Amino acid sequence: MNKAEVKHFGKPDEVREFPKGRLELIKIGGATVGRAIFEPGWRWATSVQPIAKTKSCEAPHFQYHVSGVLKIRMDDGTEFEARPGDVSLLPSGHDAWVVGDEPAVFVDFQGMVDYAKSL
């Protein structure tokens, strides 16, 4: 890192859209940070699985939850909800969906480089 940088999600470097969802990517300091906006009714299994073509989400995530509620089910059956202010760490192998009528918005510091990327 040779210089200070400031970027804003209002002007992302890349945007990926998929059914009921949007991913905004910023490249900064050699890293990629993603902001995901998942609308009510979004579920990984129906919105992203057709793009990823895997049984479950294989991207690991380290994320800060800004708004809305995201329910996560790990492949081992463990389930929990991530709410505003929560920080979650998800290894590969999970499904997730929006709970309620508010979009789930979170910032992910890991795992978004190839997320919902068409091959």
PDB file of N, CA and C in Angstrom:
ATOM      1  N   MET A   1       0.844  -1.173   0.000  1.00  0.00           N
ATOM      2  CA  MET A   1       0.000   0.000   0.000  1.00  0.00           C
ATOM      3  C   MET A   1       0.890   1.238   0.000  1.00  0.00           C
ATOM      4  N   ASN A   2       0.811   1.993  -1.083  1.00  0.00           N
ATOM      5  CA  ASN A   2       1.677   3.162  -1.222  1.00  0.00           C
ATOM      6  C   ASN A   2       0.975   4.478  -0.999  1.00  0.00           C
ATOM      7  N   LYS A   3      -0.373   4.486  -1.077  1.00  0.00           N
ATOM      8  CA  LYS A   3      -1.083   5.753  -0.975  1.00  0.00           C
ATOM      9  C   LYS A   3      -2.423   5.565  -0.288  1.00  0.00           C
ATOM     10  N   ALA A   4      -2.926   6.655   0.237  1.00  0.00           N
ATOM     11  CA  ALA A   4      -4.255   6.633   0.847  1.00  0.00           C
ATOM     12  C   ALA A   4      -5.297   6.623  -0.259  1.00  0.00           C
ATOM     13  N   GLU A   5      -6.414   5.949  -0.012  1.00  0.00           N
ATOM     14  CA  GLU A   5      -7.499   5.880  -0.990  1.00  0.00           C
ATOM     15  C   GLU A   5      -8.838   6.030  -0.278  1.00  0.00           C
ATOM     16  N   VAL A   6      -9.785   6.612  -0.967  1.00  0.00           N
ATOM     17  CA  VAL A   6     -11.163   6.682  -0.497  1.00  0.00           C
ATOM     18  C   VAL A   6     -12.054   6.371  -1.681  1.00  0.00           C
ATOM     19  N   LYS A   7     -12.979   5.448  -1.473  1.00  0.00           N
ATOM     20  CA  LYS A   7     -13.952   5.117  -2.513  1.00  0.00           C
ATOM     21  C   LYS A   7     -15.333   5.101  -1.884  1.00  0.00           C
ATOM     22  N   HIS A   8     -16.348   5.124  -2.731  1.00  0.00           N
ATOM     23  CA  HIS A   8     -17.731   5.187  -2.252  1.00  0.00           C
ATOM     24  C   HIS A   8     -18.578   4.187  -3.020  1.00  0.00           C
ATOM     25  N   PHE A   9     -19.471   3.493  -2.317  1.00  0.00           N
ATOM     26  CA  PHE A   9     -20.328   2.523  -2.989  1.00  0.00           C
ATOM     27  C   PHE A   9     -21.305   3.179  -3.956  1.00  0.00           C
ATOM     28  N   GLY A  10     -21.471   4.493  -3.879  1.00  0.00           N
ATOM     29  CA  GLY A  10     -22.292   5.209  -4.855  1.00  0.00           C
ATOM     30  C   GLY A  10     -21.678   5.189  -6.252  1.00  0.00           C
ATOM     31  N   LYS A  11     -20.371   4.928  -6.315  1.00  0.00           N
ATOM     32  CA  LYS A  11     -19.650   4.812  -7.586  1.00  0.00           C
ATOM     33  C   LYS A  11     -18.783   3.558  -7.543  1.00  0.00           C
ATOM     34  N   PRO A  12     -19.407   2.373  -7.551  1.00  0.00           N
ATOM     35  CA  PRO A  12     -18.627   1.136  -7.464  1.00  0.00           C
ATOM     36  C   PRO A  12     -17.825   0.883  -8.730  1.00  0.00           C
ATOM     37  N   ASP A  13     -16.793   0.063  -8.610  1.00  0.00           N
ATOM     38  CA  ASP A  13     -15.975  -0.325  -9.757  1.00  0.00           C
ATOM     39  C   ASP A  13     -16.702  -1.332 -10.642  1.00  0.00           C
ATOM     40  N   GLU A  14     -17.601  -2.120 -10.034  1.00  0.00           N
ATOM     41  CA  GLU A  14     -18.344  -3.129 -10.784  1.00  0.00           C
ATOM     42  C   GLU A  14     -19.675  -3.361 -10.095  1.00  0.00           C
ATOM     43  N   VAL A  15     -20.699  -3.665 -10.877  1.00  0.00           N
ATOM     44  CA  VAL A  15     -22.019  -4.003 -10.351  1.00  0.00           C
ATOM     45  C   VAL A  15     -22.465  -5.313 -10.987  1.00  0.00           C
ATOM     46  N   ARG A  16     -22.949  -6.230 -10.171  1.00  0.00           N
ATOM     47  CA  ARG A  16     -23.535  -7.483 -10.667  1.00  0.00           C
ATOM     48  C   ARG A  16     -24.970  -7.541 -10.174  1.00  0.00           C
ATOM     49  N   GLU A  17     -25.883  -7.775 -11.104  1.00  0.00           N
ATOM     50  CA  GLU A  17     -27.295  -7.880 -10.742  1.00  0.00           C
ATOM     51  C   GLU A  17     -27.797  -9.278 -11.034  1.00  0.00           C
ATOM     52  N   PHE A  18     -28.706  -9.749 -10.216  1.00  0.00           N
ATOM     53  CA  PHE A  18     -29.302 -11.065 -10.338  1.00  0.00           C
ATOM     54  C   PHE A  18     -30.700 -10.961  -9.741  1.00  0.00           C
ATOM     55  N   PRO A  19     -31.550 -11.970  -9.919  1.00  0.00           N
ATOM     56  CA  PRO A  19     -32.930 -11.851  -9.434  1.00  0.00           C
ATOM     57  C   PRO A  19     -33.008 -11.433  -7.962  1.00  0.00           C
ATOM     58  N   LYS A  20     -33.678 -10.317  -7.717  1.00  0.00           N
ATOM     59  CA  LYS A  20     -33.919  -9.760  -6.379  1.00  0.00           C
ATOM     60  C   LYS A  20     -32.649  -9.372  -5.643  1.00  0.00           C
ATOM     61  N   GLY A  21     -31.552  -9.159  -6.373  1.00  0.00           N
ATOM     62  CA  GLY A  21     -30.315  -8.797  -5.699  1.00  0.00           C
ATOM     63  C   GLY A  21     -29.359  -8.008  -6.557  1.00  0.00           C
ATOM     64  N   ARG A  22     -28.429  -7.363  -5.866  1.00  0.00           N
ATOM     65  CA  ARG A  22     -27.424  -6.524  -6.516  1.00  0.00           C
ATOM     66  C   ARG A  22     -26.159  -6.576  -5.665  1.00  0.00           C
ATOM     67  N   LEU A  23     -25.029  -6.649  -6.331  1.00  0.00           N
ATOM     68  CA  LEU A  23     -23.732  -6.633  -5.666  1.00  0.00           C
ATOM     69  C   LEU A  23     -22.912  -5.501  -6.251  1.00  0.00           C
ATOM     70  N   GLU A  24     -22.422  -4.617  -5.387  1.00  0.00           N
ATOM     71  CA  GLU A  24     -21.568  -3.504  -5.799  1.00  0.00           C
ATOM     72  C   GLU A  24     -20.168  -3.781  -5.264  1.00  0.00           C
ATOM     73  N   LEU A  25     -19.186  -3.721  -6.150  1.00  0.00           N
ATOM     74  CA  LEU A  25     -17.810  -4.049  -5.780  1.00  0.00           C
ATOM     75  C   LEU A  25     -16.906  -2.836  -5.874  1.00  0.00           C
ATOM     76  N   ILE A  26     -16.064  -2.688  -4.871  1.00  0.00           N
ATOM     77  CA  ILE A  26     -15.040  -1.640  -4.836  1.00  0.00           C
ATOM     78  C   ILE A  26     -13.693  -2.333  -4.683  1.00  0.00           C
ATOM     79  N   LYS A  27     -12.751  -1.932  -5.516  1.00  0.00           N
ATOM     80  CA  LYS A  27     -11.375  -2.434  -5.395  1.00  0.00           C
ATOM     81  C   LYS A  27     -10.555  -1.326  -4.757  1.00  0.00           C
ATOM     82  N   ILE A  28      -9.947  -1.665  -3.620  1.00  0.00           N
ATOM     83  CA  ILE A  28      -9.200  -0.652  -2.874  1.00  0.00           C
ATOM     84  C   ILE A  28      -8.064  -1.334  -2.097  1.00  0.00           C
ATOM     85  N   GLY A  29      -6.887  -0.751  -2.158  1.00  0.00           N
ATOM     86  CA  GLY A  29      -5.748  -1.275  -1.410  1.00  0.00           C
ATOM     87  C   GLY A  29      -5.419  -2.721  -1.724  1.00  0.00           C
ATOM     88  N   GLY A  30      -5.682  -3.150  -2.957  1.00  0.00           N
ATOM     89  CA  GLY A  30      -5.399  -4.520  -3.348  1.00  0.00           C
ATOM     90  C   GLY A  30      -6.466  -5.518  -2.927  1.00  0.00           C
ATOM     91  N   ALA A  31      -7.547  -5.037  -2.325  1.00  0.00           N
ATOM     92  CA  ALA A  31      -8.639  -5.910  -1.879  1.00  0.00           C
ATOM     93  C   ALA A  31      -9.924  -5.552  -2.624  1.00  0.00           C
ATOM     94  N   THR A  32     -10.878  -6.466  -2.599  1.00  0.00           N
ATOM     95  CA  THR A  32     -12.197  -6.213  -3.161  1.00  0.00           C
ATOM     96  C   THR A  32     -13.212  -6.297  -2.031  1.00  0.00           C
ATOM     97  N   VAL A  33     -14.003  -5.239  -1.879  1.00  0.00           N
ATOM     98  CA  VAL A  33     -15.044  -5.171  -0.864  1.00  0.00           C
ATOM     99  C   VAL A  33     -16.377  -5.096  -1.594  1.00  0.00           C
ATOM    100  N   GLY A  34     -17.353  -5.861  -1.109  1.00  0.00           N
ATOM    101  CA  GLY A  34     -18.649  -5.870  -1.778  1.00  0.00           C
ATOM    102  C   GLY A  34     -19.767  -5.416  -0.861  1.00  0.00           C
ATOM    103  N   ARG A  35     -20.700  -4.639  -1.434  1.00  0.00           N
ATOM    104  CA  ARG A  35     -21.941  -4.318  -0.722  1.00  0.00           C
ATOM    105  C   ARG A  35     -23.050  -5.058  -1.441  1.00  0.00           C
ATOM    106  N   ALA A  36     -23.767  -5.905  -0.706  1.00  0.00           N
ATOM    107  CA  ALA A  36     -24.877  -6.667  -1.269  1.00  0.00           C
ATOM    108  C   ALA A  36     -26.186  -6.056  -0.805  1.00  0.00           C
ATOM    109  N   ILE A  37     -27.127  -5.966  -1.727  1.00  0.00           N
ATOM    110  CA  ILE A  37     -28.478  -5.515  -1.428  1.00  0.00           C
ATOM    111  C   ILE A  37     -29.407  -6.611  -1.919  1.00  0.00           C
ATOM    112  N   PHE A  38     -30.042  -7.300  -0.979  1.00  0.00           N
ATOM    113  CA  PHE A  38     -30.944  -8.400  -1.299  1.00  0.00           C
ATOM    114  C   PHE A  38     -32.361  -7.979  -0.933  1.00  0.00           C
ATOM    115  N   GLU A  39     -33.242  -8.004  -1.910  1.00  0.00           N
ATOM    116  CA  GLU A  39     -34.631  -7.589  -1.722  1.00  0.00           C
ATOM    117  C   GLU A  39     -35.432  -8.694  -1.022  1.00  0.00           C
ATOM    118  N   PRO A  40     -36.574  -8.321  -0.405  1.00  0.00           N
ATOM    119  CA  PRO A  40     -37.445  -9.352   0.159  1.00  0.00           C
ATOM    120  C   PRO A  40     -37.751 -10.405  -0.907  1.00  0.00           C
ATOM    121  N   GLY A  41     -37.711 -11.658  -0.522  1.00  0.00           N
ATOM    122  CA  GLY A  41     -37.924 -12.758  -1.456  1.00  0.00           C
ATOM    123  C   GLY A  41     -36.644 -13.320  -2.039  1.00  0.00           C
ATOM    124  N   TRP A  42     -35.500 -12.617  -1.813  1.00  0.00           N
ATOM    125  CA  TRP A  42     -34.225 -13.125  -2.313  1.00  0.00           C
ATOM    126  C   TRP A  42     -33.833 -14.380  -1.530  1.00  0.00           C
ATOM    127  N   ARG A  43     -33.316 -15.367  -2.239  1.00  0.00           N
ATOM    128  CA  ARG A  43     -32.726 -16.559  -1.627  1.00  0.00           C
ATOM    129  C   ARG A  43     -31.581 -17.015  -2.518  1.00  0.00           C
ATOM    130  N   TRP A  44     -30.474 -17.391  -1.906  1.00  0.00           N
ATOM    131  CA  TRP A  44     -29.318 -17.822  -2.694  1.00  0.00           C
ATOM    132  C   TRP A  44     -29.712 -18.964  -3.624  1.00  0.00           C
ATOM    133  N   ALA A  45     -30.453 -19.948  -3.119  1.00  0.00           N
ATOM    134  CA  ALA A  45     -30.788 -21.145  -3.892  1.00  0.00           C
ATOM    135  C   ALA A  45     -31.570 -20.837  -5.162  1.00  0.00           C
ATOM    136  N   THR A  46     -32.317 -19.747  -5.190  1.00  0.00           N
ATOM    137  CA  THR A  46     -33.107 -19.428  -6.383  1.00  0.00           C
ATOM    138  C   THR A  46     -32.542 -18.247  -7.173  1.00  0.00           C
ATOM    139  N   SER A  47     -31.799 -17.357  -6.515  1.00  0.00           N
ATOM    140  CA  SER A  47     -31.290 -16.164  -7.190  1.00  0.00           C
ATOM    141  C   SER A  47     -29.865 -16.306  -7.707  1.00  0.00           C
ATOM    142  N   VAL A  48     -29.023 -17.041  -6.996  1.00  0.00           N
ATOM    143  CA  VAL A  48     -27.604 -17.116  -7.363  1.00  0.00           C
ATOM    144  C   VAL A  48     -27.175 -18.531  -7.761  1.00  0.00           C
ATOM    145  N   GLN A  49     -27.804 -19.550  -7.218  1.00  0.00           N
ATOM    146  CA  GLN A  49     -27.418 -20.919  -7.553  1.00  0.00           C
ATOM    147  C   GLN A  49     -27.426 -21.189  -9.054  1.00  0.00           C
ATOM    148  N   PRO A  50     -28.418 -20.668  -9.813  1.00  0.00           N
ATOM    149  CA  PRO A  50     -28.370 -20.894 -11.262  1.00  0.00           C
ATOM    150  C   PRO A  50     -27.130 -20.291 -11.932  1.00  0.00           C
ATOM    151  N   ILE A  51     -26.547 -19.269 -11.324  1.00  0.00           N
ATOM    152  CA  ILE A  51     -25.325 -18.650 -11.851  1.00  0.00           C
ATOM    153  C   ILE A  51     -24.104 -19.451 -11.383  1.00  0.00           C
ATOM    154  N   ALA A  52     -24.084 -19.784 -10.084  1.00  0.00           N
ATOM    155  CA  ALA A  52     -22.928 -20.475  -9.487  1.00  0.00           C
ATOM    156  C   ALA A  52     -22.834 -21.938  -9.911  1.00  0.00           C
ATOM    157  N   LYS A  53     -23.993 -22.562 -10.106  1.00  0.00           N
ATOM    158  CA  LYS A  53     -24.049 -23.978 -10.490  1.00  0.00           C
ATOM    159  C   LYS A  53     -23.379 -24.892  -9.465  1.00  0.00           C
ATOM    160  N   THR A  54     -23.526 -24.551  -8.174  1.00  0.00           N
ATOM    161  CA  THR A  54     -23.036 -25.387  -7.089  1.00  0.00           C
ATOM    162  C   THR A  54     -24.209 -25.750  -6.181  1.00  0.00           C
ATOM    163  N   LYS A  55     -24.050 -26.801  -5.392  1.00  0.00           N
ATOM    164  CA  LYS A  55     -25.130 -27.259  -4.497  1.00  0.00           C
ATOM    165  C   LYS A  55     -25.506 -26.180  -3.482  1.00  0.00           C
ATOM    166  N   SER A  56     -24.509 -25.522  -2.936  1.00  0.00           N
ATOM    167  CA  SER A  56     -24.722 -24.436  -1.975  1.00  0.00           C
ATOM    168  C   SER A  56     -23.676 -23.363  -2.239  1.00  0.00           C
ATOM    169  N   CYS A  57     -23.776 -22.246  -1.532  1.00  0.00           N
ATOM    170  CA  CYS A  57     -22.822 -21.151  -1.744  1.00  0.00           C
ATOM    171  C   CYS A  57     -21.441 -21.594  -1.262  1.00  0.00           C
ATOM    172  N   GLU A  58     -20.473 -21.546  -2.157  1.00  0.00           N
ATOM    173  CA  GLU A  58     -19.113 -21.967  -1.836  1.00  0.00           C
ATOM    174  C   GLU A  58     -18.202 -20.778  -1.498  1.00  0.00           C
ATOM    175  N   ALA A  59     -18.735 -19.568  -1.570  1.00  0.00           N
ATOM    176  CA  ALA A  59     -17.928 -18.389  -1.239  1.00  0.00           C
ATOM    177  C   ALA A  59     -17.893 -18.206   0.279  1.00  0.00           C
ATOM    178  N   PRO A  60     -16.712 -18.084   0.871  1.00  0.00           N
ATOM    179  CA  PRO A  60     -16.642 -17.757   2.293  1.00  0.00           C
ATOM    180  C   PRO A  60     -16.947 -16.269   2.468  1.00  0.00           C
ATOM    181  N   HIS A  61     -17.564 -15.904   3.564  1.00  0.00           N
ATOM    182  CA  HIS A  61     -17.932 -14.500   3.776  1.00  0.00           C
ATOM    183  C   HIS A  61     -17.490 -14.026   5.155  1.00  0.00           C
ATOM    184  N   PHE A  62     -17.078 -12.772   5.204  1.00  0.00           N
ATOM    185  CA  PHE A  62     -16.794 -12.048   6.446  1.00  0.00           C
ATOM    186  C   PHE A  62     -17.514 -10.735   6.268  1.00  0.00           C
ATOM    187  N   GLN A  63     -18.663 -10.560   6.944  1.00  0.00           N
ATOM    188  CA  GLN A  63     -19.540  -9.457   6.582  1.00  0.00           C
ATOM    189  C   GLN A  63     -20.116  -8.701   7.778  1.00  0.00           C
ATOM    190  N   TYR A  64     -20.361  -7.427   7.529  1.00  0.00           N
ATOM    191  CA  TYR A  64     -21.022  -6.538   8.485  1.00  0.00           C
ATOM    192  C   TYR A  64     -22.426  -6.270   7.967  1.00  0.00           C
ATOM    193  N   HIS A  65     -23.434  -6.539   8.787  1.00  0.00           N
ATOM    194  CA  HIS A  65     -24.838  -6.407   8.380  1.00  0.00           C
ATOM    195  C   HIS A  65     -25.350  -5.007   8.707  1.00  0.00           C
ATOM    196  N   VAL A  66     -25.775  -4.292   7.671  1.00  0.00           N
ATOM    197  CA  VAL A  66     -26.196  -2.901   7.788  1.00  0.00           C
ATOM    198  C   VAL A  66     -27.687  -2.797   8.085  1.00  0.00           C
ATOM    199  N   SER A  67     -28.512  -3.545   7.349  1.00  0.00           N
ATOM    200  CA  SER A  67     -29.958  -3.466   7.555  1.00  0.00           C
ATOM    201  C   SER A  67     -30.624  -4.757   7.115  1.00  0.00           C
ATOM    202  N   GLY A  68     -31.856  -4.942   7.552  1.00  0.00           N
ATOM    203  CA  GLY A  68     -32.608  -6.132   7.201  1.00  0.00           C
ATOM    204  C   GLY A  68     -32.126  -7.358   7.960  1.00  0.00           C
ATOM    205  N   VAL A  69     -32.794  -8.481   7.700  1.00  0.00           N
ATOM    206  CA  VAL A  69     -32.460  -9.732   8.381  1.00  0.00           C
ATOM    207  C   VAL A  69     -32.149 -10.787   7.330  1.00  0.00           C
ATOM    208  N   LEU A  70     -31.028 -11.455   7.505  1.00  0.00           N
ATOM    209  CA  LEU A  70     -30.605 -12.524   6.615  1.00  0.00           C
ATOM    210  C   LEU A  70     -30.547 -13.818   7.426  1.00  0.00           C
ATOM    211  N   LYS A  71     -31.301 -14.812   6.995  1.00  0.00           N
ATOM    212  CA  LYS A  71     -31.272 -16.134   7.642  1.00  0.00           C
ATOM    213  C   LYS A  71     -30.266 -16.982   6.892  1.00  0.00           C
ATOM    214  N   ILE A  72     -29.403 -17.666   7.640  1.00  0.00           N
ATOM    215  CA  ILE A  72     -28.355 -18.490   7.042  1.00  0.00           C
ATOM    216  C   ILE A  72     -28.522 -19.921   7.523  1.00  0.00           C
ATOM    217  N   ARG A  73     -28.424 -20.870   6.602  1.00  0.00           N
ATOM    218  CA  ARG A  73     -28.419 -22.296   6.950  1.00  0.00           C
ATOM    219  C   ARG A  73     -27.150 -22.910   6.380  1.00  0.00           C
ATOM    220  N   MET A  74     -26.304 -23.386   7.277  1.00  0.00           N
ATOM    221  CA  MET A  74     -25.074 -24.044   6.869  1.00  0.00           C
ATOM    222  C   MET A  74     -25.410 -25.449   6.376  1.00  0.00           C
ATOM    223  N   ASP A  75     -24.538 -26.023   5.550  1.00  0.00           N
ATOM    224  CA  ASP A  75     -24.764 -27.371   5.037  1.00  0.00           C
ATOM    225  C   ASP A  75     -24.869 -28.416   6.149  1.00  0.00           C
ATOM    226  N   ASP A  76     -24.299 -28.136   7.319  1.00  0.00           N
ATOM    227  CA  ASP A  76     -24.396 -29.086   8.439  1.00  0.00           C
ATOM    228  C   ASP A  76     -25.715 -28.954   9.201  1.00  0.00           C
ATOM    229  N   GLY A  77     -26.597 -28.037   8.745  1.00  0.00           N
ATOM    230  CA  GLY A  77     -27.902 -27.855   9.373  1.00  0.00           C
ATOM    231  C   GLY A  77     -27.972 -26.714  10.370  1.00  0.00           C
ATOM    232  N   THR A  78     -26.845 -26.145  10.770  1.00  0.00           N
ATOM    233  CA  THR A  78     -26.826 -25.005  11.678  1.00  0.00           C
ATOM    234  C   THR A  78     -27.538 -23.821  11.028  1.00  0.00           C
ATOM    235  N   GLU A  79     -28.422 -23.148  11.773  1.00  0.00           N
ATOM    236  CA  GLU A  79     -29.136 -21.986  11.262  1.00  0.00           C
ATOM    237  C   GLU A  79     -29.010 -20.825  12.235  1.00  0.00           C
ATOM    238  N   PHE A  80     -28.964 -19.621  11.702  1.00  0.00           N
ATOM    239  CA  PHE A  80     -29.003 -18.414  12.532  1.00  0.00           C
ATOM    240  C   PHE A  80     -29.439 -17.242  11.676  1.00  0.00           C
ATOM    241  N   GLU A  81     -29.801 -16.145  12.340  1.00  0.00           N
ATOM    242  CA  GLU A  81     -30.175 -14.922  11.650  1.00  0.00           C
ATOM    243  C   GLU A  81     -29.117 -13.861  11.917  1.00  0.00           C
ATOM    244  N   ALA A  82     -28.780 -13.115  10.870  1.00  0.00           N
ATOM    245  CA  ALA A  82     -27.854 -11.990  10.991  1.00  0.00           C
ATOM    246  C   ALA A  82     -28.677 -10.713  10.877  1.00  0.00           C
ATOM    247  N   ARG A  83     -28.505  -9.820  11.837  1.00  0.00           N
ATOM    248  CA  ARG A  83     -29.300  -8.596  11.935  1.00  0.00           C
ATOM    249  C   ARG A  83     -28.395  -7.367  11.896  1.00  0.00           C
ATOM    250  N   PRO A  84     -28.978  -6.179  11.732  1.00  0.00           N
ATOM    251  CA  PRO A  84     -28.164  -4.962  11.688  1.00  0.00           C
ATOM    252  C   PRO A  84     -27.216  -4.861  12.889  1.00  0.00           C
ATOM    253  N   GLY A  85     -25.967  -4.543  12.590  1.00  0.00           N
ATOM    254  CA  GLY A  85     -24.939  -4.429  13.615  1.00  0.00           C
ATOM    255  C   GLY A  85     -24.160  -5.709  13.841  1.00  0.00           C
ATOM    256  N   ASP A  86     -24.663  -6.841  13.312  1.00  0.00           N
ATOM    257  CA  ASP A  86     -23.962  -8.113  13.464  1.00  0.00           C
ATOM    258  C   ASP A  86     -22.787  -8.196  12.490  1.00  0.00           C
ATOM    259  N   VAL A  87     -21.777  -8.949  12.889  1.00  0.00           N
ATOM    260  CA  VAL A  87     -20.669  -9.320  12.026  1.00  0.00           C
ATOM    261  C   VAL A  87     -20.703 -10.840  11.942  1.00  0.00           C
ATOM    262  N   SER A  88     -20.697 -11.378  10.719  1.00  0.00           N
ATOM    263  CA  SER A  88     -20.759 -12.827  10.572  1.00  0.00           C
ATOM    264  C   SER A  88     -19.577 -13.338   9.755  1.00  0.00           C
ATOM    265  N   LEU A  89     -19.183 -14.551  10.078  1.00  0.00           N
ATOM    266  CA  LEU A  89     -18.121 -15.254   9.370  1.00  0.00           C
ATOM    267  C   LEU A  89     -18.714 -16.571   8.905  1.00  0.00           C
ATOM    268  N   LEU A  90     -18.799 -16.751   7.592  1.00  0.00           N
ATOM    269  CA  LEU A  90     -19.413 -17.946   7.022  1.00  0.00           C
ATOM    270  C   LEU A  90     -18.397 -18.698   6.176  1.00  0.00           C
ATOM    271  N   PRO A  91     -18.122 -19.942   6.525  1.00  0.00           N
ATOM    272  CA  PRO A  91     -17.288 -20.743   5.633  1.00  0.00           C
ATOM    273  C   PRO A  91     -18.103 -21.193   4.425  1.00  0.00           C
ATOM    274  N   SER A  92     -17.462 -21.797   3.475  1.00  0.00           N
ATOM    275  CA  SER A  92     -18.141 -22.353   2.306  1.00  0.00           C
ATOM    276  C   SER A  92     -19.206 -23.338   2.752  1.00  0.00           C
ATOM    277  N   GLY A  93     -20.282 -23.429   1.946  1.00  0.00           N
ATOM    278  CA  GLY A  93     -21.318 -24.418   2.201  1.00  0.00           C
ATOM    279  C   GLY A  93     -22.499 -23.891   2.982  1.00  0.00           C
ATOM    280  N   HIS A  94     -23.298 -23.024   2.357  1.00  0.00           N
ATOM    281  CA  HIS A  94     -24.462 -22.462   3.034  1.00  0.00           C
ATOM    282  C   HIS A  94     -25.500 -21.981   2.028  1.00  0.00           C
ATOM    283  N   ASP A  95     -26.698 -21.773   2.517  1.00  0.00           N
ATOM    284  CA  ASP A  95     -27.777 -21.108   1.795  1.00  0.00           C
ATOM    285  C   ASP A  95     -28.175 -19.930   2.671  1.00  0.00           C
ATOM    286  N   ALA A  96     -28.828 -18.933   2.094  1.00  0.00           N
ATOM    287  CA  ALA A  96     -29.280 -17.775   2.869  1.00  0.00           C
ATOM    288  C   ALA A  96     -30.486 -17.170   2.176  1.00  0.00           C
ATOM    289  N   TRP A  97     -31.316 -16.468   2.970  1.00  0.00           N
ATOM    290  CA  TRP A  97     -32.481 -15.803   2.398  1.00  0.00           C
ATOM    291  C   TRP A  97     -32.874 -14.627   3.273  1.00  0.00           C
ATOM    292  N   VAL A  98     -33.578 -13.678   2.662  1.00  0.00           N
ATOM    293  CA  VAL A  98     -34.057 -12.487   3.359  1.00  0.00           C
ATOM    294  C   VAL A  98     -35.306 -12.857   4.145  1.00  0.00           C
ATOM    295  N   VAL A  99     -35.353 -12.399   5.386  1.00  0.00           N
ATOM    296  CA  VAL A  99     -36.518 -12.580   6.251  1.00  0.00           C
ATOM    297  C   VAL A  99     -37.212 -11.223   6.382  1.00  0.00           C
ATOM    298  N   GLY A 100     -38.513 -11.202   6.148  1.00  0.00           N
ATOM    299  CA  GLY A 100     -39.276  -9.970   6.341  1.00  0.00           C
ATOM    300  C   GLY A 100     -39.390  -9.128   5.088  1.00  0.00           C
ATOM    301  N   ASP A 101     -39.855  -7.900   5.291  1.00  0.00           N
ATOM    302  CA  ASP A 101     -40.178  -6.991   4.189  1.00  0.00           C
ATOM    303  C   ASP A 101     -39.123  -5.932   3.917  1.00  0.00           C
ATOM    304  N   GLU A 102     -37.999  -5.982   4.612  1.00  0.00           N
ATOM    305  CA  GLU A 102     -36.937  -4.991   4.432  1.00  0.00           C
ATOM    306  C   GLU A 102     -35.766  -5.635   3.700  1.00  0.00           C
ATOM    307  N   PRO A 103     -35.158  -4.929   2.745  1.00  0.00           N
ATOM    308  CA  PRO A 103     -33.971  -5.478   2.084  1.00  0.00           C
ATOM    309  C   PRO A 103     -32.858  -5.756   3.099  1.00  0.00           C
ATOM    310  N   ALA A 104     -32.115  -6.813   2.861  1.00  0.00           N
ATOM    311  CA  ALA A 104     -30.925  -7.117   3.665  1.00  0.00           C
ATOM    312  C   ALA A 104     -29.732  -6.496   2.945  1.00  0.00           C
ATOM    313  N   VAL A 105     -29.021  -5.643   3.663  1.00  0.00           N
ATOM    314  CA  VAL A 105     -27.847  -4.965   3.105  1.00  0.00           C
ATOM    315  C   VAL A 105     -26.660  -5.286   4.006  1.00  0.00           C
ATOM    316  N   PHE A 106     -25.568  -5.707   3.390  1.00  0.00           N
ATOM    317  CA  PHE A 106     -24.367  -5.968   4.173  1.00  0.00           C
ATOM    318  C   PHE A 106     -23.127  -5.684   3.346  1.00  0.00           C
ATOM    319  N   VAL A 107     -22.032  -5.444   4.054  1.00  0.00           N
ATOM    320  CA  VAL A 107     -20.731  -5.210   3.430  1.00  0.00           C
ATOM    321  C   VAL A 107     -19.878  -6.428   3.715  1.00  0.00           C
ATOM    322  N   ASP A 108     -19.329  -7.002   2.647  1.00  0.00           N
ATOM    323  CA  ASP A 108     -18.553  -8.241   2.746  1.00  0.00           C
ATOM    324  C   ASP A 108     -17.096  -7.949   2.411  1.00  0.00           C
ATOM    325  N   PHE A 109     -16.209  -8.335   3.320  1.00  0.00           N
ATOM    326  CA  PHE A 109     -14.781  -8.085   3.154  1.00  0.00           C
ATOM    327  C   PHE A 109     -14.029  -9.295   2.617  1.00  0.00           C
ATOM    328  N   GLN A 110     -14.769 -10.368   2.305  1.00  0.00           N
ATOM    329  CA  GLN A 110     -14.150 -11.596   1.802  1.00  0.00           C
ATOM    330  C   GLN A 110     -15.186 -12.351   0.982  1.00  0.00           C
ATOM    331  N   GLY A 111     -14.800 -12.944  -0.090  1.00  0.00           N
ATOM    332  CA  GLY A 111     -15.681 -13.863  -0.779  1.00  0.00           C
ATOM    333  C   GLY A 111     -16.532 -13.288  -1.904  1.00  0.00           C
ATOM    334  N   MET A 112     -16.418 -12.012  -2.226  1.00  0.00           N
ATOM    335  CA  MET A 112     -17.277 -11.437  -3.248  1.00  0.00           C
ATOM    336  C   MET A 112     -16.593 -11.298  -4.615  1.00  0.00           C
ATOM    337  N   VAL A 113     -15.332 -11.646  -4.707  1.00  0.00           N
ATOM    338  CA  VAL A 113     -14.610 -11.490  -5.976  1.00  0.00           C
ATOM    339  C   VAL A 113     -15.302 -12.228  -7.113  1.00  0.00           C
ATOM    340  N   ASP A 114     -15.723 -13.465  -6.878  1.00  0.00           N
ATOM    341  CA  ASP A 114     -16.374 -14.267  -7.917  1.00  0.00           C
ATOM    342  C   ASP A 114     -17.863 -14.476  -7.675  1.00  0.00           C
ATOM    343  N   TYR A 115     -18.433 -13.873  -6.636  1.00  0.00           N
ATOM    344  CA  TYR A 115     -19.826 -14.085  -6.278  1.00  0.00           C
ATOM    345  C   TYR A 115     -20.764 -13.617  -7.392  1.00  0.00           C
ATOM    346  N   ALA A 116     -21.684 -14.493  -7.778  1.00  0.00           N
ATOM    347  CA  ALA A 116     -22.700 -14.189  -8.802  1.00  0.00           C
ATOM    348  C   ALA A 116     -22.070 -13.718 -10.118  1.00  0.00           C
ATOM    349  N   LYS A 117     -20.891 -14.233 -10.405  1.00  0.00           N
ATOM    350  CA  LYS A 117     -20.177 -13.855 -11.617  1.00  0.00           C
ATOM    351  C   LYS A 117     -20.455 -14.898 -12.686  1.00  0.00           C
ATOM    352  N   SER A 118     -20.994 -14.465 -13.801  1.00  0.00           N
ATOM    353  CA  SER A 118     -21.257 -15.395 -14.902  1.00  0.00           C
ATOM    354  C   SER A 118     -19.942 -15.862 -15.486  1.00  0.00           C
ATOM    355  N   LEU A 119     -19.873 -17.141 -15.777  1.00  0.00           N
ATOM    356  CA  LEU A 119     -18.629 -17.698 -16.327  1.00  0.00           C
ATOM    357  C   LEU A 119     -18.613 -17.613 -17.842  1.00  0.00           C
TER     358      LEU A 119
END
